[in-house]
Amino acid sequence: MIFQALSTHPDLWSLYRESQGILNEHFPARMVPGESVEVTAADVDDATAVAIDREFFDQVGNAEASLKFFGRGVQLIARVRLSKLLAKLGSEQKVPPIRMVEKTPDNCFRIQMLLKVFPDARFVYVVRDPRGSIASIHKGWTEESRFQRFDLPEGFTIKGYSGKSWCFGLPPGWESLDGSTVMEICAHQWRLYNEFCHRDFPTDGDRVLQVRYEEMASDPGPVLEKLAQWADLDPAPLERYGEKLPVVNTWSKPSSDKWRRVEEEIEEVLPLVAAESERLGYPQ
């Protein structure tokens, strides 16, 4: 929701999609022992950092800058499909330095890399009750095909799972999850995404803004106003989302209790995430 809203701000450029298409070319991952989607600062040489910076610059678009008044009317989902055209149309207005907004969950494991490529980056850290997050991840594993990322290696088993693919990010240490249930894997994914953020975010508190999903979903106006102030952005272009949130990758409206459809299974894995849940302010 936040990414989509910020992607319509006239002062920000966006891919309008996640950045795997750029980053996976430089840092391909396979589901083989010892590999994961993690990328450290040591994995990025100066030439690669320059290349990534250039590729983002070349591919981001800005409908508001490119189409002026009419840009605001371009639906968010259409911007994804028109991203290459928007990048081309906006080339004359794309005078460095520009500000860009980006959202790719795998980048929780690549913060060190991002800081090397974009040393002045700021981070909006969206946190959520683990019950809701884990339920959402579980739905992606069991009800969707678009989140399938890696073919399961021979001999690796997931208890009660008939699929052939690993879904979402492949965290370091995934090998230890052999024989786990899907729900247990989802819990570990949620925990590790957050633990790596805590480990690698800049220590300068002004560069990290924590936002609660529940507050954004229930009352987005104040959240977006605070975000704009923190990011030194004009809040006016975001005011239209104060009551009506942008459409995102979901088939239903945001809700704090979607997780209850798998409540019993989630209750069983909450001990796996208890420490991180407590740290984020979601005591169980």
Foldseek 3Di string as FASTA:
>chain_A
DVLLLVCQAQQAWELLDADCVLVCVLPPFAPDPPTFLADALVNDDPVNLVVSLVVGLQQTFHLCQQVPPCSNVQASVVCNVCRNVRSVSCVVVSDPPGHYDHDDLSCLRVLNVCCVSVVLAFEEAEDEQLLVQLLVVLCCQPPHDPQFDHFDDPPADAPPDPDGGDGDTGDPPCSVCRHYHSSLVSLVVNQVSLVSNVVRPDPPPLRYHYDYPVCCQPFVQVVLVVVCVSVVHDSVSSNVCRPPHGDDPDPDRDDRPPSVVVVVSNVVNCVVRQVVCVVVPNHD
